[in-house]
Amino acid sequence: MQPISKIDWDKGDKDGLISIGSHNLYMSVSGPDRKPGQPIVVLMQGVGSTIDEWVAVRKLVIPFARWLNYDRSGMGRSEGPDQTPSSISAASVAAELDILLKNAGVEPPFIIVAHSWGGYTSREFLELRPNDIVGMVFVDCNTERFFDSGAWGADVFSPVLGDQDFVETTGLSTSHVLSEEEWKAVKDEQADPRHQVTEAAEVQAVLNDRRALVPKKQLEKLLLKDYPVSVIIADSPGDFQKMYDFGVAAGNGTEEEGALFRKCLDRWREMNEDWQKELLKLSRLSRFIRLHCSHNVQLLQPQSIVQEIQWAMDSYK
């Protein structure tokens, strides 16, 4: 396939809309000019997350690495399809990224930075491009082991959570490191009705995304061989504990619903580290980083992510 874009994305700061056939996706590339064979860092965000949440990480990365981020269909500066599907799978996100990179003419090798649901989308992308990825940084990501037994899903937590604001309840609104202008951009995007429809469709697919990864048995195949894999874990169960406490104080849910919430939360807290460490099996060269902060590491401790990107770049050299 001939690239649709005639832009040289390997040099200078560039951004623009790239066709993936049905519509255009917004992509931005910055950092040092890329030398032949040098990796480019590609960001794959979590559910409902756009590149606006990653500006602090980007600022710290571009002095030493070429950085590519894009907004998924229906998010941020990207266009969406004529009709937003009721469910948006991780596999479909990976397929669109594959088309985007090919149509833009951005060649491998790639180092992938994935956050949260990006653990699923990035692994589906790895399934499509196993020979083109030379490093991965997982930031508090979902895995196929995530609640592989027991009750799990929005129906478990939603009766107690109610309509509370995750950002406010967990304190993210005051603890983030973004400027006032940068934070306003994040909040404005999240309030956009189009964004909310797309985010709901992504949430709808999460459980099936986990199930879809299981038969692919990536963790048994050492797909990344000796390429660097970093696994960062944060305290997501702690976030949900705060939300549970808030919901109970507000009178949300029955006693039975509260008990089921606590059971799942206890299971999560007990197994979270083991589930995350499974990702280390993707490579013989891997390391595990434990952070004592909320789930949105990119907004709280961006330097921790950047440190692992630097390690992955240095390890590839």
C-alpha atoms as a PDB file:
ATOM      1  CA  MET A   1       0.000   0.000   0.000  1.00  0.00           C
ATOM      2  CA  GLN A   2       1.383   3.409  -0.954  1.00  0.00           C
ATOM      3  CA  PRO A   3       1.363   5.974   1.842  1.00  0.00           C
ATOM      4  CA  ILE A   4      -1.497   8.454   1.543  1.00  0.00           C
ATOM      5  CA  SER A   5       0.493  11.017   3.524  1.00  0.00           C
ATOM      6  CA  LYS A   6       3.449  12.643   1.766  1.00  0.00           C
ATOM      7  CA  ILE A   7       4.732  14.184   4.982  1.00  0.00           C
ATOM      8  CA  ASP A   8       8.126  13.094   6.306  1.00  0.00           C
ATOM      9  CA  TRP A   9       7.141  12.205   9.847  1.00  0.00           C
ATOM     10  CA  ASP A  10      10.745  11.372  10.777  1.00  0.00           C
ATOM     11  CA  LYS A  11      11.855  15.006  10.823  1.00  0.00           C
ATOM     12  CA  GLY A  12      10.673  18.097  12.660  1.00  0.00           C
ATOM     13  CA  ASP A  13       7.500  18.623  14.678  1.00  0.00           C
ATOM     14  CA  LYS A  14       4.532  17.542  12.568  1.00  0.00           C
ATOM     15  CA  ASP A  15       0.815  17.031  13.073  1.00  0.00           C
ATOM     16  CA  GLY A  16      -2.212  16.512  10.881  1.00  0.00           C
ATOM     17  CA  LEU A  17      -5.152  14.365   9.844  1.00  0.00           C
ATOM     18  CA  ILE A  18      -4.413  11.017   8.197  1.00  0.00           C
ATOM     19  CA  SER A  19      -7.026   8.991   6.336  1.00  0.00           C
ATOM     20  CA  ILE A  20      -7.713   5.433   7.493  1.00  0.00           C
ATOM     21  CA  GLY A  21     -10.244   4.950   4.698  1.00  0.00           C
ATOM     22  CA  SER A  22     -13.574   5.734   6.327  1.00  0.00           C
ATOM     23  CA  HIS A  23     -12.402   8.883   8.146  1.00  0.00           C
ATOM     24  CA  ASN A  24      -9.319  10.764   9.358  1.00  0.00           C
ATOM     25  CA  LEU A  25      -7.329  10.383  12.565  1.00  0.00           C
ATOM     26  CA  TYR A  26      -5.251  13.124  14.135  1.00  0.00           C
ATOM     27  CA  MET A  27      -1.572  12.309  14.634  1.00  0.00           C
ATOM     28  CA  SER A  28       1.281  14.348  16.095  1.00  0.00           C
ATOM     29  CA  VAL A  29       5.013  13.554  15.985  1.00  0.00           C
ATOM     30  CA  SER A  30       7.823  15.452  17.698  1.00  0.00           C
ATOM     31  CA  GLY A  31      11.283  15.052  19.154  1.00  0.00           C
ATOM     32  CA  PRO A  32      14.729  14.568  17.590  1.00  0.00           C
ATOM     33  CA  ASP A  33      14.912  13.776  13.896  1.00  0.00           C
ATOM     34  CA  ARG A  34      14.800  10.040  13.475  1.00  0.00           C
ATOM     35  CA  LYS A  35      17.802   8.161  12.150  1.00  0.00           C
ATOM     36  CA  PRO A  36      17.387   4.998  10.016  1.00  0.00           C
ATOM     37  CA  GLY A  37      16.537   2.017  12.199  1.00  0.00           C
ATOM     38  CA  GLN A  38      15.900   4.146  15.272  1.00  0.00           C
ATOM     39  CA  PRO A  39      12.717   3.381  17.266  1.00  0.00           C
ATOM     40  CA  ILE A  40       9.832   5.800  17.501  1.00  0.00           C
ATOM     41  CA  VAL A  41       7.758   5.823  20.701  1.00  0.00           C
ATOM     42  CA  VAL A  42       4.035   5.271  20.054  1.00  0.00           C
ATOM     43  CA  LEU A  43       1.426   6.071  22.702  1.00  0.00           C
ATOM     44  CA  MET A  44      -1.698   3.943  23.271  1.00  0.00           C
ATOM     45  CA  GLN A  45      -3.919   5.526  25.923  1.00  0.00           C
ATOM     46  CA  GLY A  46      -6.614   4.120  28.162  1.00  0.00           C
ATOM     47  CA  VAL A  47     -10.399   4.179  27.817  1.00  0.00           C
ATOM     48  CA  GLY A  48     -11.694   7.690  27.251  1.00  0.00           C
ATOM     49  CA  SER A  49      -8.184   9.153  27.244  1.00  0.00           C
ATOM     50  CA  THR A  50      -6.785  11.510  24.619  1.00  0.00           C
ATOM     51  CA  ILE A  51      -3.317  12.870  23.992  1.00  0.00           C
ATOM     52  CA  ASP A  52      -4.230  15.932  26.102  1.00  0.00           C
ATOM     53  CA  GLU A  53      -3.641  13.833  29.228  1.00  0.00           C
ATOM     54  CA  TRP A  54      -0.094  13.019  28.125  1.00  0.00           C
ATOM     55  CA  VAL A  55       1.393  16.460  27.536  1.00  0.00           C
ATOM     56  CA  ALA A  56       3.595  16.261  30.652  1.00  0.00           C
ATOM     57  CA  VAL A  57       5.063  12.923  29.549  1.00  0.00           C
ATOM     58  CA  ARG A  58       5.574  14.190  26.013  1.00  0.00           C
ATOM     59  CA  LYS A  59       7.509  17.257  27.200  1.00  0.00           C
ATOM     60  CA  LEU A  60       9.955  15.048  29.097  1.00  0.00           C
ATOM     61  CA  VAL A  61      10.373  12.487  26.286  1.00  0.00           C
ATOM     62  CA  ILE A  62      10.964  14.666  23.238  1.00  0.00           C
ATOM     63  CA  PRO A  63      14.443  15.858  24.295  1.00  0.00           C
ATOM     64  CA  PHE A  64      15.757  12.307  23.791  1.00  0.00           C
ATOM     65  CA  ALA A  65      13.239  10.279  21.714  1.00  0.00           C
ATOM     66  CA  ARG A  66      10.932  10.609  18.737  1.00  0.00           C
ATOM     67  CA  TRP A  67       7.357  10.632  20.081  1.00  0.00           C
ATOM     68  CA  LEU A  68       4.147   9.776  18.204  1.00  0.00           C
ATOM     69  CA  ASN A  69       0.696  10.186  19.661  1.00  0.00           C
ATOM     70  CA  TYR A  70      -2.716  10.128  18.074  1.00  0.00           C
ATOM     71  CA  ASP A  71      -6.360  10.386  19.083  1.00  0.00           C
ATOM     72  CA  ARG A  72      -8.538   7.352  18.509  1.00  0.00           C
ATOM     73  CA  SER A  73     -11.682   7.506  16.377  1.00  0.00           C
ATOM     74  CA  GLY A  74     -14.290   9.820  17.862  1.00  0.00           C
ATOM     75  CA  MET A  75     -11.840  11.297  20.363  1.00  0.00           C
ATOM     76  CA  GLY A  76     -10.052  14.630  20.611  1.00  0.00           C
ATOM     77  CA  ARG A  77      -8.978  16.040  17.252  1.00  0.00           C
ATOM     78  CA  SER A  78      -9.759  12.857  15.325  1.00  0.00           C
ATOM     79  CA  GLU A  79     -12.852  12.312  13.264  1.00  0.00           C
ATOM     80  CA  GLY A  80     -15.182   9.413  13.924  1.00  0.00           C
ATOM     81  CA  PRO A  81     -17.140   7.080  11.676  1.00  0.00           C
ATOM     82  CA  ASP A  82     -20.550   8.189  10.431  1.00  0.00           C
ATOM     83  CA  GLN A  83     -22.129   6.005  13.109  1.00  0.00           C
ATOM     84  CA  THR A  84     -20.348   5.293  16.393  1.00  0.00           C
ATOM     85  CA  PRO A  85     -20.549   1.543  17.060  1.00  0.00           C
ATOM     86  CA  SER A  86     -22.177   0.426  20.307  1.00  0.00           C
ATOM     87  CA  SER A  87     -18.961  -1.378  21.248  1.00  0.00           C
ATOM     88  CA  ILE A  88     -15.371  -0.526  20.271  1.00  0.00           C
ATOM     89  CA  SER A  89     -12.978  -3.428  20.734  1.00  0.00           C
ATOM     90  CA  ALA A  90      -9.267  -3.318  21.466  1.00  0.00           C
ATOM     91  CA  ALA A  91      -8.692  -5.302  18.276  1.00  0.00           C
ATOM     92  CA  SER A  92     -10.464  -2.656  16.186  1.00  0.00           C
ATOM     93  CA  VAL A  93      -8.376   0.091  17.795  1.00  0.00           C
ATOM     94  CA  ALA A  94      -5.189  -1.830  16.976  1.00  0.00           C
ATOM     95  CA  ALA A  95      -6.335  -2.358  13.391  1.00  0.00           C
ATOM     96  CA  GLU A  96      -6.964   1.376  12.953  1.00  0.00           C
ATOM     97  CA  LEU A  97      -3.520   2.215  14.345  1.00  0.00           C
ATOM     98  CA  ASP A  98      -1.981  -0.271  11.936  1.00  0.00           C
ATOM     99  CA  ILE A  99      -3.701   1.456   9.009  1.00  0.00           C
ATOM    100  CA  LEU A 100      -2.817   4.912  10.329  1.00  0.00           C
ATOM    101  CA  LEU A 101       0.904   4.149  10.543  1.00  0.00           C
ATOM    102  CA  LYS A 102       0.988   2.487   7.129  1.00  0.00           C
ATOM    103  CA  ASN A 103      -0.947   5.286   5.439  1.00  0.00           C
ATOM    104  CA  ALA A 104       1.243   7.910   7.081  1.00  0.00           C
ATOM    105  CA  GLY A 105       4.365   6.043   5.998  1.00  0.00           C
ATOM    106  CA  VAL A 106       5.701   5.739   9.568  1.00  0.00           C
ATOM    107  CA  GLU A 107       8.042   2.763   9.528  1.00  0.00           C
ATOM    108  CA  PRO A 108       9.037   0.486  12.427  1.00  0.00           C
ATOM    109  CA  PRO A 109      10.674  -0.178  14.805  1.00  0.00           C
ATOM    110  CA  PHE A 110       8.203   0.934  17.466  1.00  0.00           C
ATOM    111  CA  ILE A 111       8.411   1.206  21.242  1.00  0.00           C
ATOM    112  CA  ILE A 112       4.870   1.141  22.603  1.00  0.00           C
ATOM    113  CA  VAL A 113       3.754   3.017  25.714  1.00  0.00           C
ATOM    114  CA  ALA A 114       0.408   1.677  26.938  1.00  0.00           C
ATOM    115  CA  HIS A 115      -1.820   2.764  29.812  1.00  0.00           C
ATOM    116  CA  SER A 116      -4.806   1.021  31.393  1.00  0.00           C
ATOM    117  CA  TRP A 117      -7.054  -0.326  28.567  1.00  0.00           C
ATOM    118  CA  GLY A 118      -4.025   0.299  26.380  1.00  0.00           C
ATOM    119  CA  GLY A 119      -2.786  -2.967  27.837  1.00  0.00           C
ATOM    120  CA  TYR A 120      -5.377  -4.641  25.620  1.00  0.00           C
ATOM    121  CA  THR A 121      -5.103  -2.395  22.558  1.00  0.00           C
ATOM    122  CA  SER A 122      -1.295  -2.574  22.552  1.00  0.00           C
ATOM    123  CA  ARG A 123      -1.312  -6.353  22.867  1.00  0.00           C
ATOM    124  CA  GLU A 124      -3.696  -6.583  19.908  1.00  0.00           C
ATOM    125  CA  PHE A 125      -1.305  -4.327  18.008  1.00  0.00           C
ATOM    126  CA  LEU A 126       1.545  -6.638  19.019  1.00  0.00           C
ATOM    127  CA  GLU A 127      -0.497  -9.482  17.544  1.00  0.00           C
ATOM    128  CA  LEU A 128      -0.654  -7.589  14.231  1.00  0.00           C
ATOM    129  CA  ARG A 129       2.967  -6.349  14.180  1.00  0.00           C
ATOM    130  CA  PRO A 130       5.038  -8.802  16.273  1.00  0.00           C
ATOM    131  CA  ASN A 131       8.227  -8.192  14.276  1.00  0.00           C
ATOM    132  CA  ASP A 132       7.964  -4.400  14.375  1.00  0.00           C
ATOM    133  CA  ILE A 133       7.817  -3.755  18.130  1.00  0.00           C
ATOM    134  CA  VAL A 134      11.154  -3.538  19.953  1.00  0.00           C
ATOM    135  CA  GLY A 135       9.997  -2.512  23.412  1.00  0.00           C
ATOM    136  CA  MET A 136       6.903  -1.929  25.518  1.00  0.00           C
ATOM    137  CA  VAL A 137       6.189   0.159  28.607  1.00  0.00           C
ATOM    138  CA  PHE A 138       2.995  -0.918  30.363  1.00  0.00           C
ATOM    139  CA  VAL A 139       1.570   1.699  32.735  1.00  0.00           C
ATOM    140  CA  ASP A 140      -0.900   0.119  35.195  1.00  0.00           C
ATOM    141  CA  CYS A 141      -2.386  -1.931  32.380  1.00  0.00           C
ATOM    142  CA  ASN A 142      -5.182  -4.449  32.119  1.00  0.00           C
ATOM    143  CA  THR A 143      -4.135  -8.010  31.281  1.00  0.00           C
ATOM    144  CA  GLU A 144      -5.906 -11.218  30.290  1.00  0.00           C
ATOM    145  CA  ARG A 145      -5.505 -12.390  33.895  1.00  0.00           C
ATOM    146  CA  PHE A 146      -7.434  -9.381  35.160  1.00  0.00           C
ATOM    147  CA  PHE A 147     -10.329 -10.887  37.140  1.00  0.00           C
ATOM    148  CA  ASP A 148     -10.043 -14.160  35.298  1.00  0.00           C
ATOM    149  CA  SER A 149     -12.314 -15.705  37.912  1.00  0.00           C
ATOM    150  CA  GLY A 150     -15.073 -14.332  40.068  1.00  0.00           C
ATOM    151  CA  ALA A 151     -17.624 -11.614  39.429  1.00  0.00           C
ATOM    152  CA  TRP A 152     -16.306  -8.571  37.622  1.00  0.00           C
ATOM    153  CA  GLY A 153     -17.792  -5.814  35.553  1.00  0.00           C
ATOM    154  CA  ALA A 154     -19.456  -2.434  35.692  1.00  0.00           C
ATOM    155  CA  ASP A 155     -22.605  -4.078  37.040  1.00  0.00           C
ATOM    156  CA  VAL A 156     -20.659  -5.043  40.178  1.00  0.00           C
ATOM    157  CA  PHE A 157     -19.397  -1.566  40.998  1.00  0.00           C
ATOM    158  CA  SER A 158     -21.976   0.814  39.495  1.00  0.00           C
ATOM    159  CA  PRO A 159     -24.712   0.437  42.162  1.00  0.00           C
ATOM    160  CA  VAL A 160     -22.323   1.690  44.845  1.00  0.00           C
ATOM    161  CA  LEU A 161     -20.404   4.149  42.676  1.00  0.00           C
ATOM    162  CA  GLY A 162     -23.503   5.962  41.435  1.00  0.00           C
ATOM    163  CA  ASP A 163     -22.754   9.068  39.395  1.00  0.00           C
ATOM    164  CA  GLN A 164     -19.727  10.271  41.375  1.00  0.00           C
ATOM    165  CA  ASP A 165     -16.830  11.886  39.525  1.00  0.00           C
ATOM    166  CA  PHE A 166     -13.711   9.670  39.553  1.00  0.00           C
ATOM    167  CA  VAL A 167     -11.475  12.720  39.165  1.00  0.00           C
ATOM    168  CA  GLU A 168     -12.972  14.500  42.164  1.00  0.00           C
ATOM    169  CA  THR A 169     -13.338  11.484  44.461  1.00  0.00           C
ATOM    170  CA  THR A 170      -9.771  10.282  43.985  1.00  0.00           C
ATOM    171  CA  GLY A 171      -8.309  13.782  44.296  1.00  0.00           C
ATOM    172  CA  LEU A 172      -6.918  13.825  40.763  1.00  0.00           C
ATOM    173  CA  SER A 173      -8.452  17.259  40.157  1.00  0.00           C
ATOM    174  CA  THR A 174      -6.011  18.827  42.634  1.00  0.00           C
ATOM    175  CA  SER A 175      -3.033  16.448  42.522  1.00  0.00           C
ATOM    176  CA  HIS A 176      -2.287  16.437  38.757  1.00  0.00           C
ATOM    177  CA  VAL A 177       0.841  18.177  37.442  1.00  0.00           C
ATOM    178  CA  LEU A 178      -0.680  19.904  34.411  1.00  0.00           C
ATOM    179  CA  SER A 179      -0.952  23.639  34.013  1.00  0.00           C
ATOM    180  CA  GLU A 180      -4.350  25.273  34.431  1.00  0.00           C
ATOM    181  CA  GLU A 181      -4.686  25.589  30.655  1.00  0.00           C
ATOM    182  CA  GLU A 182      -3.620  21.974  30.038  1.00  0.00           C
ATOM    183  CA  TRP A 183      -6.057  20.657  32.645  1.00  0.00           C
ATOM    184  CA  LYS A 184      -8.892  22.716  31.146  1.00  0.00           C
ATOM    185  CA  ALA A 185      -8.222  21.063  27.774  1.00  0.00           C
ATOM    186  CA  VAL A 186      -8.558  17.628  29.390  1.00  0.00           C
ATOM    187  CA  LYS A 187     -11.799  18.534  31.169  1.00  0.00           C
ATOM    188  CA  ASP A 188     -13.312  20.209  28.105  1.00  0.00           C
ATOM    189  CA  GLU A 189     -12.628  17.112  26.021  1.00  0.00           C
ATOM    190  CA  GLN A 190     -14.170  14.806  28.620  1.00  0.00           C
ATOM    191  CA  ALA A 191     -17.292  16.979  28.716  1.00  0.00           C
ATOM    192  CA  ASP A 192     -17.791  16.790  24.935  1.00  0.00           C
ATOM    193  CA  PRO A 193     -20.913  14.676  24.183  1.00  0.00           C
ATOM    194  CA  ARG A 194     -19.160  13.041  21.220  1.00  0.00           C
ATOM    195  CA  HIS A 195     -16.306  11.981  23.501  1.00  0.00           C
ATOM    196  CA  GLN A 196     -18.731  10.535  26.050  1.00  0.00           C
ATOM    197  CA  VAL A 197     -20.509   8.420  23.426  1.00  0.00           C
ATOM    198  CA  THR A 198     -17.185   7.016  22.189  1.00  0.00           C
ATOM    199  CA  GLU A 199     -15.924   6.368  25.711  1.00  0.00           C
ATOM    200  CA  ALA A 200     -19.098   4.459  26.575  1.00  0.00           C
ATOM    201  CA  ALA A 201     -18.571   2.268  23.497  1.00  0.00           C
ATOM    202  CA  GLU A 202     -14.984   1.532  24.581  1.00  0.00           C
ATOM    203  CA  VAL A 203     -16.091   0.632  28.114  1.00  0.00           C
ATOM    204  CA  GLN A 204     -18.693  -1.721  26.653  1.00  0.00           C
ATOM    205  CA  ALA A 205     -15.975  -3.921  25.110  1.00  0.00           C
ATOM    206  CA  VAL A 206     -13.522  -4.221  28.014  1.00  0.00           C
ATOM    207  CA  LEU A 207     -14.623  -7.617  29.352  1.00  0.00           C
ATOM    208  CA  ASN A 208     -14.661  -9.164  25.880  1.00  0.00           C
ATOM    209  CA  ASP A 209     -11.229  -7.655  25.185  1.00  0.00           C
ATOM    210  CA  ARG A 210      -9.785  -9.684  28.049  1.00  0.00           C
ATOM    211  CA  ARG A 211     -11.440 -12.847  26.769  1.00  0.00           C
ATOM    212  CA  ALA A 212     -10.183 -12.201  23.233  1.00  0.00           C
ATOM    213  CA  LEU A 213      -6.550 -12.149  24.387  1.00  0.00           C
ATOM    214  CA  VAL A 214      -6.660 -15.449  26.272  1.00  0.00           C
ATOM    215  CA  PRO A 215      -6.638 -17.866  23.281  1.00  0.00           C
ATOM    216  CA  LYS A 216      -3.774 -15.938  21.628  1.00  0.00           C
ATOM    217  CA  LYS A 217      -1.454 -17.145  24.413  1.00  0.00           C
ATOM    218  CA  GLN A 218       0.997 -14.305  23.929  1.00  0.00           C
ATOM    219  CA  LEU A 219       2.514 -14.789  27.376  1.00  0.00           C
ATOM    220  CA  GLU A 220       3.585 -18.299  26.404  1.00  0.00           C
ATOM    221  CA  LYS A 221       5.300 -17.267  23.160  1.00  0.00           C
ATOM    222  CA  LEU A 222       7.978 -14.797  24.362  1.00  0.00           C
ATOM    223  CA  LEU A 223       6.886 -12.501  21.535  1.00  0.00           C
ATOM    224  CA  LEU A 224       9.313  -9.713  22.419  1.00  0.00           C
ATOM    225  CA  LYS A 225      12.287 -12.050  22.823  1.00  0.00           C
ATOM    226  CA  ASP A 226      15.097  -9.926  24.335  1.00  0.00           C
ATOM    227  CA  TYR A 227      13.509  -6.542  23.699  1.00  0.00           C
ATOM    228  CA  PRO A 228      12.802  -4.407  26.799  1.00  0.00           C
ATOM    229  CA  VAL A 229       9.506  -4.674  28.635  1.00  0.00           C
ATOM    230  CA  SER A 230       8.749  -2.435  31.607  1.00  0.00           C
ATOM    231  CA  VAL A 231       5.685  -3.007  33.777  1.00  0.00           C
ATOM    232  CA  ILE A 232       4.622  -0.114  36.008  1.00  0.00           C
ATOM    233  CA  ILE A 233       1.974  -0.785  38.645  1.00  0.00           C
ATOM    234  CA  ALA A 234       0.026   1.905  40.507  1.00  0.00           C
ATOM    235  CA  ASP A 235      -2.666   1.692  43.204  1.00  0.00           C
ATOM    236  CA  SER A 236      -5.900   1.336  41.255  1.00  0.00           C
ATOM    237  CA  PRO A 237      -7.549  -0.662  44.070  1.00  0.00           C
ATOM    238  CA  GLY A 238      -6.871   2.345  46.306  1.00  0.00           C
ATOM    239  CA  ASP A 239      -8.815   4.527  43.887  1.00  0.00           C
ATOM    240  CA  PHE A 240     -11.776   2.190  44.053  1.00  0.00           C
ATOM    241  CA  GLN A 241     -11.589   2.077  47.852  1.00  0.00           C
ATOM    242  CA  LYS A 242     -12.023   5.869  47.896  1.00  0.00           C
ATOM    243  CA  MET A 243     -14.942   5.555  45.500  1.00  0.00           C
ATOM    244  CA  TYR A 244     -16.504   2.796  47.581  1.00  0.00           C
ATOM    245  CA  ASP A 245     -16.258   4.912  50.731  1.00  0.00           C
ATOM    246  CA  PHE A 246     -17.800   7.885  48.928  1.00  0.00           C
ATOM    247  CA  GLY A 247     -20.632   5.779  47.506  1.00  0.00           C
ATOM    248  CA  VAL A 248     -21.477   4.178  50.841  1.00  0.00           C
ATOM    249  CA  ALA A 249     -21.456   7.577  52.557  1.00  0.00           C
ATOM    250  CA  ALA A 250     -23.891   8.786  49.895  1.00  0.00           C
ATOM    251  CA  GLY A 251     -26.197   5.840  50.615  1.00  0.00           C
ATOM    252  CA  ASN A 252     -25.644   4.119  47.282  1.00  0.00           C
ATOM    253  CA  GLY A 253     -26.355   0.406  46.790  1.00  0.00           C
ATOM    254  CA  THR A 254     -27.828  -2.289  48.980  1.00  0.00           C
ATOM    255  CA  GLU A 255     -25.901  -4.202  51.636  1.00  0.00           C
ATOM    256  CA  GLU A 256     -25.600  -7.131  49.224  1.00  0.00           C
ATOM    257  CA  GLU A 257     -24.257  -4.880  46.457  1.00  0.00           C
ATOM    258  CA  GLY A 258     -21.771  -3.349  48.874  1.00  0.00           C
ATOM    259  CA  ALA A 259     -20.615  -6.800  49.954  1.00  0.00           C
ATOM    260  CA  LEU A 260     -20.038  -7.873  46.346  1.00  0.00           C
ATOM    261  CA  PHE A 261     -18.086  -4.673  45.717  1.00  0.00           C
ATOM    262  CA  ARG A 262     -15.858  -5.381  48.748  1.00  0.00           C
ATOM    263  CA  LYS A 263     -15.321  -8.982  47.652  1.00  0.00           C
ATOM    264  CA  CYS A 264     -14.135  -7.926  44.193  1.00  0.00           C
ATOM    265  CA  LEU A 265     -11.998  -5.135  45.617  1.00  0.00           C
ATOM    266  CA  ASP A 266     -10.310  -7.553  48.047  1.00  0.00           C
ATOM    267  CA  ARG A 267      -9.601  -9.967  45.196  1.00  0.00           C
ATOM    268  CA  TRP A 268      -8.181  -7.111  43.108  1.00  0.00           C
ATOM    269  CA  ARG A 269      -5.951  -5.884  45.919  1.00  0.00           C
ATOM    270  CA  GLU A 270      -4.693  -9.420  46.615  1.00  0.00           C
ATOM    271  CA  MET A 271      -3.961 -10.374  43.003  1.00  0.00           C
ATOM    272  CA  ASN A 272      -3.151  -7.103  41.240  1.00  0.00           C
ATOM    273  CA  GLU A 273       0.636  -7.456  41.431  1.00  0.00           C
ATOM    274  CA  ASP A 274       0.557 -11.073  40.248  1.00  0.00           C
ATOM    275  CA  TRP A 275      -1.699 -10.140  37.331  1.00  0.00           C
ATOM    276  CA  GLN A 276       0.584  -7.293  36.286  1.00  0.00           C
ATOM    277  CA  LYS A 277       3.763  -9.361  36.606  1.00  0.00           C
ATOM    278  CA  GLU A 278       2.420 -11.796  34.028  1.00  0.00           C
ATOM    279  CA  LEU A 279       3.332  -9.185  31.411  1.00  0.00           C
ATOM    280  CA  LEU A 280       7.010  -9.689  32.221  1.00  0.00           C
ATOM    281  CA  LYS A 281       6.775 -13.022  30.415  1.00  0.00           C
ATOM    282  CA  LEU A 282       6.629 -11.228  27.069  1.00  0.00           C
ATOM    283  CA  SER A 283      10.417 -10.806  27.101  1.00  0.00           C
ATOM    284  CA  ARG A 284      13.578 -12.145  28.682  1.00  0.00           C
ATOM    285  CA  LEU A 285      14.527  -8.509  29.342  1.00  0.00           C
ATOM    286  CA  SER A 286      11.882  -7.085  31.642  1.00  0.00           C
ATOM    287  CA  ARG A 287      11.525  -5.182  34.869  1.00  0.00           C
ATOM    288  CA  PHE A 288       8.786  -4.314  37.344  1.00  0.00           C
ATOM    289  CA  ILE A 289       8.210  -0.859  38.864  1.00  0.00           C
ATOM    290  CA  ARG A 290       5.847  -0.317  41.811  1.00  0.00           C
ATOM    291  CA  LEU A 291       4.456   3.184  42.389  1.00  0.00           C
ATOM    292  CA  HIS A 292       2.404   4.460  45.303  1.00  0.00           C
ATOM    293  CA  CYS A 293       0.058   6.717  43.392  1.00  0.00           C
ATOM    294  CA  SER A 294      -3.318   6.734  41.684  1.00  0.00           C
ATOM    295  CA  HIS A 295      -4.027   4.969  38.384  1.00  0.00           C
ATOM    296  CA  ASN A 296      -3.389   7.993  36.156  1.00  0.00           C
ATOM    297  CA  VAL A 297       0.383   7.967  36.459  1.00  0.00           C
ATOM    298  CA  GLN A 298       0.748  10.196  33.390  1.00  0.00           C
ATOM    299  CA  LEU A 299      -0.953  13.018  35.309  1.00  0.00           C
ATOM    300  CA  LEU A 300       0.756  12.425  38.649  1.00  0.00           C
ATOM    301  CA  GLN A 301       4.253  11.039  38.145  1.00  0.00           C
ATOM    302  CA  PRO A 302       5.088  11.514  34.444  1.00  0.00           C
ATOM    303  CA  GLN A 303       8.809  11.255  35.187  1.00  0.00           C
ATOM    304  CA  SER A 304       8.305   7.623  36.278  1.00  0.00           C
ATOM    305  CA  ILE A 305       6.981   6.749  32.817  1.00  0.00           C
ATOM    306  CA  VAL A 306       9.694   8.733  31.081  1.00  0.00           C
ATOM    307  CA  GLN A 307      12.366   6.891  33.055  1.00  0.00           C
ATOM    308  CA  GLU A 308      11.089   3.582  31.686  1.00  0.00           C
ATOM    309  CA  ILE A 309      10.914   4.929  28.133  1.00  0.00           C
ATOM    310  CA  GLN A 310      14.528   6.034  28.498  1.00  0.00           C
ATOM    311  CA  TRP A 311      15.460   2.554  29.764  1.00  0.00           C
ATOM    312  CA  ALA A 312      13.687   0.916  26.810  1.00  0.00           C
ATOM    313  CA  MET A 313      15.470   3.213  24.336  1.00  0.00           C
ATOM    314  CA  ASP A 314      18.850   2.586  25.951  1.00  0.00           C
ATOM    315  CA  SER A 315      18.254  -1.169  26.085  1.00  0.00           C
ATOM    316  CA  TYR A 316      17.415  -1.314  22.405  1.00  0.00           C
ATOM    317  CA  LYS A 317      20.659   0.448  21.487  1.00  0.00           C
END
